[in-house]
């Protein structure tokens, strides 16, 4: 599996772990044994976030996506599982958060590609190769 794809897979695992733990906090009031899910979920989330970083995703991008996705997914799952309300204004906010996550990810990828081309051009110049 390519390193970037592996980082994205670890980030997805971090998000799912964190959302599961957060939702379990609410359910904990009815089922005290869920404290195990909360502790394991939050612990796993941080481990997966660390693995995301180790596999090349920048901390600003990874943490931004992790946090923003957690907010939106927790709110939607709380609506679905616990009947919590989502107002139209909240829905607009969630859409803006989702758009922001996409913009950050696309911007990060464009920067990564540009930096790779710049490094290759610098190496060519040092070794006297024609970049064309």
C-alpha atoms as a PDB file:
ATOM      1  CA  UNK A   1       0.000   0.000   0.000  1.00  0.00           C
ATOM      2  CA  UNK A   2       1.466   3.408  -0.925  1.00  0.00           C
ATOM      3  CA  UNK A   3       2.577   5.540   2.010  1.00  0.00           C
ATOM      4  CA  UNK A   4       0.051   8.332   1.362  1.00  0.00           C
ATOM      5  CA  UNK A   5      -2.823   5.871   1.124  1.00  0.00           C
ATOM      6  CA  UNK A   6      -1.626   4.182   4.310  1.00  0.00           C
ATOM      7  CA  UNK A   7      -1.587   7.570   6.082  1.00  0.00           C
ATOM      8  CA  UNK A   8      -5.158   8.204   4.928  1.00  0.00           C
ATOM      9  CA  UNK A   9      -6.250   4.752   6.140  1.00  0.00           C
ATOM     10  CA  UNK A  10      -4.702   5.390   9.566  1.00  0.00           C
ATOM     11  CA  UNK A  11      -6.384   8.804   9.683  1.00  0.00           C
ATOM     12  CA  UNK A  12      -9.754   7.204   8.910  1.00  0.00           C
ATOM     13  CA  UNK A  13      -9.160   4.707  11.743  1.00  0.00           C
ATOM     14  CA  UNK A  14      -8.278   7.596  14.081  1.00  0.00           C
ATOM     15  CA  UNK A  15     -11.509   9.391  13.189  1.00  0.00           C
ATOM     16  CA  UNK A  16     -13.694   6.297  13.603  1.00  0.00           C
ATOM     17  CA  UNK A  17     -12.036   5.449  16.950  1.00  0.00           C
ATOM     18  CA  UNK A  18     -12.515   8.974  18.284  1.00  0.00           C
ATOM     19  CA  UNK A  19     -16.152   9.231  17.167  1.00  0.00           C
ATOM     20  CA  UNK A  20     -16.933   5.796  18.628  1.00  0.00           C
ATOM     21  CA  UNK A  21     -15.387   6.793  21.960  1.00  0.00           C
ATOM     22  CA  UNK A  22     -17.230  10.114  22.021  1.00  0.00           C
ATOM     23  CA  UNK A  23     -20.591   8.522  21.235  1.00  0.00           C
ATOM     24  CA  UNK A  24     -19.942   5.920  23.924  1.00  0.00           C
ATOM     25  CA  UNK A  25     -19.624   8.735  26.481  1.00  0.00           C
ATOM     26  CA  UNK A  26     -23.320   9.525  26.004  1.00  0.00           C
ATOM     27  CA  UNK A  27     -24.335   5.852  26.123  1.00  0.00           C
ATOM     28  CA  UNK A  28     -22.167   5.406  29.234  1.00  0.00           C
ATOM     29  CA  UNK A  29     -24.988   6.881  31.331  1.00  0.00           C
ATOM     30  CA  UNK A  30     -27.121   3.818  30.593  1.00  0.00           C
ATOM     31  CA  UNK A  31     -24.357   1.217  30.311  1.00  0.00           C
ATOM     32  CA  UNK A  32     -21.379   1.836  32.637  1.00  0.00           C
ATOM     33  CA  UNK A  33     -19.351  -0.961  31.029  1.00  0.00           C
ATOM     34  CA  UNK A  34     -18.922   1.284  27.978  1.00  0.00           C
ATOM     35  CA  UNK A  35     -16.124   3.040  29.863  1.00  0.00           C
ATOM     36  CA  UNK A  36     -13.916   0.327  28.344  1.00  0.00           C
ATOM     37  CA  UNK A  37     -14.962   1.406  24.833  1.00  0.00           C
ATOM     38  CA  UNK A  38     -14.310   5.056  25.717  1.00  0.00           C
ATOM     39  CA  UNK A  39     -10.787   4.410  27.019  1.00  0.00           C
ATOM     40  CA  UNK A  40      -9.817   2.036  24.207  1.00  0.00           C
ATOM     41  CA  UNK A  41     -11.416   4.268  21.569  1.00  0.00           C
ATOM     42  CA  UNK A  42      -9.596   7.426  22.630  1.00  0.00           C
ATOM     43  CA  UNK A  43      -6.325   5.535  23.076  1.00  0.00           C
ATOM     44  CA  UNK A  44      -6.631   3.915  19.657  1.00  0.00           C
ATOM     45  CA  UNK A  45      -7.480   7.265  18.124  1.00  0.00           C
ATOM     46  CA  UNK A  46      -4.213   8.813  19.299  1.00  0.00           C
ATOM     47  CA  UNK A  47      -2.208   5.757  18.224  1.00  0.00           C
ATOM     48  CA  UNK A  48      -3.765   5.910  14.747  1.00  0.00           C
ATOM     49  CA  UNK A  49      -3.151   9.660  14.573  1.00  0.00           C
ATOM     50  CA  UNK A  50       0.528   9.048  15.407  1.00  0.00           C
ATOM     51  CA  UNK A  51       0.710   6.379  12.683  1.00  0.00           C
ATOM     52  CA  UNK A  52      -0.858   8.870  10.271  1.00  0.00           C
ATOM     53  CA  UNK A  53       1.937  11.330  11.016  1.00  0.00           C
ATOM     54  CA  UNK A  54       4.607   8.641  10.788  1.00  0.00           C
ATOM     55  CA  UNK A  55       3.355   7.817   7.288  1.00  0.00           C
ATOM     56  CA  UNK A  56       3.870  11.321   5.979  1.00  0.00           C
ATOM     57  CA  UNK A  57       0.716  13.333   6.626  1.00  0.00           C
ATOM     58  CA  UNK A  58       1.498  16.760   8.086  1.00  0.00           C
ATOM     59  CA  UNK A  59       0.279  17.482  11.625  1.00  0.00           C
ATOM     60  CA  UNK A  60      -1.719  20.543  10.572  1.00  0.00           C
ATOM     61  CA  UNK A  61      -3.578  18.652   7.871  1.00  0.00           C
ATOM     62  CA  UNK A  62      -4.041  15.444   9.883  1.00  0.00           C
ATOM     63  CA  UNK A  63      -5.235  17.185  13.042  1.00  0.00           C
ATOM     64  CA  UNK A  64      -7.505  19.515  11.079  1.00  0.00           C
ATOM     65  CA  UNK A  65      -9.188  16.664   9.235  1.00  0.00           C
ATOM     66  CA  UNK A  66      -9.360  14.532  12.396  1.00  0.00           C
ATOM     67  CA  UNK A  67     -10.959  17.277  14.464  1.00  0.00           C
ATOM     68  CA  UNK A  68     -13.342  18.590  11.822  1.00  0.00           C
ATOM     69  CA  UNK A  69     -14.483  15.142  10.747  1.00  0.00           C
ATOM     70  CA  UNK A  70     -14.988  14.155  14.369  1.00  0.00           C
ATOM     71  CA  UNK A  71     -17.259  17.146  14.996  1.00  0.00           C
ATOM     72  CA  UNK A  72     -19.441  16.492  11.959  1.00  0.00           C
ATOM     73  CA  UNK A  73     -19.623  12.714  12.305  1.00  0.00           C
ATOM     74  CA  UNK A  74     -20.347  12.897  16.037  1.00  0.00           C
ATOM     75  CA  UNK A  75     -23.189  15.357  15.479  1.00  0.00           C
ATOM     76  CA  UNK A  76     -24.725  13.316  12.659  1.00  0.00           C
ATOM     77  CA  UNK A  77     -24.379  10.050  14.590  1.00  0.00           C
ATOM     78  CA  UNK A  78     -25.864  11.702  17.709  1.00  0.00           C
ATOM     79  CA  UNK A  79     -28.851  12.774  15.631  1.00  0.00           C
ATOM     80  CA  UNK A  80     -29.249   9.266  14.242  1.00  0.00           C
ATOM     81  CA  UNK A  81     -28.572   7.293  17.449  1.00  0.00           C
ATOM     82  CA  UNK A  82     -29.836   9.595  20.195  1.00  0.00           C
ATOM     83  CA  UNK A  83     -32.350  11.817  18.415  1.00  0.00           C
ATOM     84  CA  UNK A  84     -30.351  15.002  19.037  1.00  0.00           C
ATOM     85  CA  UNK A  85     -31.469  17.953  16.957  1.00  0.00           C
ATOM     86  CA  UNK A  86     -29.559  19.380  14.007  1.00  0.00           C
ATOM     87  CA  UNK A  87     -30.784  22.830  13.041  1.00  0.00           C
ATOM     88  CA  UNK A  88     -30.533  24.181   9.492  1.00  0.00           C
ATOM     89  CA  UNK A  89     -27.804  26.554  10.657  1.00  0.00           C
ATOM     90  CA  UNK A  90     -25.855  23.630  12.128  1.00  0.00           C
ATOM     91  CA  UNK A  91     -26.227  21.744   8.833  1.00  0.00           C
ATOM     92  CA  UNK A  92     -24.802  24.747   6.971  1.00  0.00           C
ATOM     93  CA  UNK A  93     -21.898  24.813   9.419  1.00  0.00           C
ATOM     94  CA  UNK A  94     -21.251  21.110   8.858  1.00  0.00           C
ATOM     95  CA  UNK A  95     -21.240  21.668   5.090  1.00  0.00           C
ATOM     96  CA  UNK A  96     -18.737  24.507   5.512  1.00  0.00           C
ATOM     97  CA  UNK A  97     -16.541  22.289   7.700  1.00  0.00           C
ATOM     98  CA  UNK A  98     -16.650  19.538   5.062  1.00  0.00           C
ATOM     99  CA  UNK A  99     -15.714  22.037   2.332  1.00  0.00           C
ATOM    100  CA  UNK A 100     -12.858  23.301   4.490  1.00  0.00           C
ATOM    101  CA  UNK A 101     -11.518  19.784   4.980  1.00  0.00           C
ATOM    102  CA  UNK A 102     -11.568  19.195   1.211  1.00  0.00           C
ATOM    103  CA  UNK A 103      -9.789  22.499   0.537  1.00  0.00           C
ATOM    104  CA  UNK A 104      -7.099  21.738   3.137  1.00  0.00           C
ATOM    105  CA  UNK A 105      -6.517  18.232   1.751  1.00  0.00           C
ATOM    106  CA  UNK A 106      -6.364  19.402  -1.887  1.00  0.00           C
ATOM    107  CA  UNK A 107      -4.079  22.294  -0.958  1.00  0.00           C
ATOM    108  CA  UNK A 108      -1.802  19.947   0.953  1.00  0.00           C
ATOM    109  CA  UNK A 109      -1.570  17.548  -1.988  1.00  0.00           C
ATOM    110  CA  UNK A 110      -0.790  20.362  -4.441  1.00  0.00           C
ATOM    111  CA  UNK A 111       1.927  21.660  -2.122  1.00  0.00           C
ATOM    112  CA  UNK A 112       3.403  18.168  -1.740  1.00  0.00           C
ATOM    113  CA  UNK A 113       3.557  17.709  -5.530  1.00  0.00           C
ATOM    114  CA  UNK A 114       5.089  21.144  -6.090  1.00  0.00           C
ATOM    115  CA  UNK A 115       7.711  20.513  -3.410  1.00  0.00           C
ATOM    116  CA  UNK A 116       8.591  17.187  -5.060  1.00  0.00           C
ATOM    117  CA  UNK A 117       9.088  18.873  -8.439  1.00  0.00           C
ATOM    118  CA  UNK A 118      11.218  21.599  -6.834  1.00  0.00           C
ATOM    119  CA  UNK A 119      13.424  19.002  -5.125  1.00  0.00           C
ATOM    120  CA  UNK A 120      13.848  17.094  -8.400  1.00  0.00           C
ATOM    121  CA  UNK A 121      14.766  20.293 -10.278  1.00  0.00           C
ATOM    122  CA  UNK A 122      17.300  21.229  -7.596  1.00  0.00           C
ATOM    123  CA  UNK A 123      18.881  17.776  -7.771  1.00  0.00           C
ATOM    124  CA  UNK A 124      19.087  18.048 -11.567  1.00  0.00           C
ATOM    125  CA  UNK A 125      20.745  21.460 -11.297  1.00  0.00           C
ATOM    126  CA  UNK A 126      23.285  20.205  -8.755  1.00  0.00           C
ATOM    127  CA  UNK A 127      24.200  17.242 -10.934  1.00  0.00           C
ATOM    128  CA  UNK A 128      24.257  19.330 -14.128  1.00  0.00           C
ATOM    129  CA  UNK A 129      21.375  17.492 -15.791  1.00  0.00           C
ATOM    130  CA  UNK A 130      19.005  19.229 -18.158  1.00  0.00           C
ATOM    131  CA  UNK A 131      15.578  19.331 -16.416  1.00  0.00           C
ATOM    132  CA  UNK A 132      13.768  19.091 -19.778  1.00  0.00           C
END
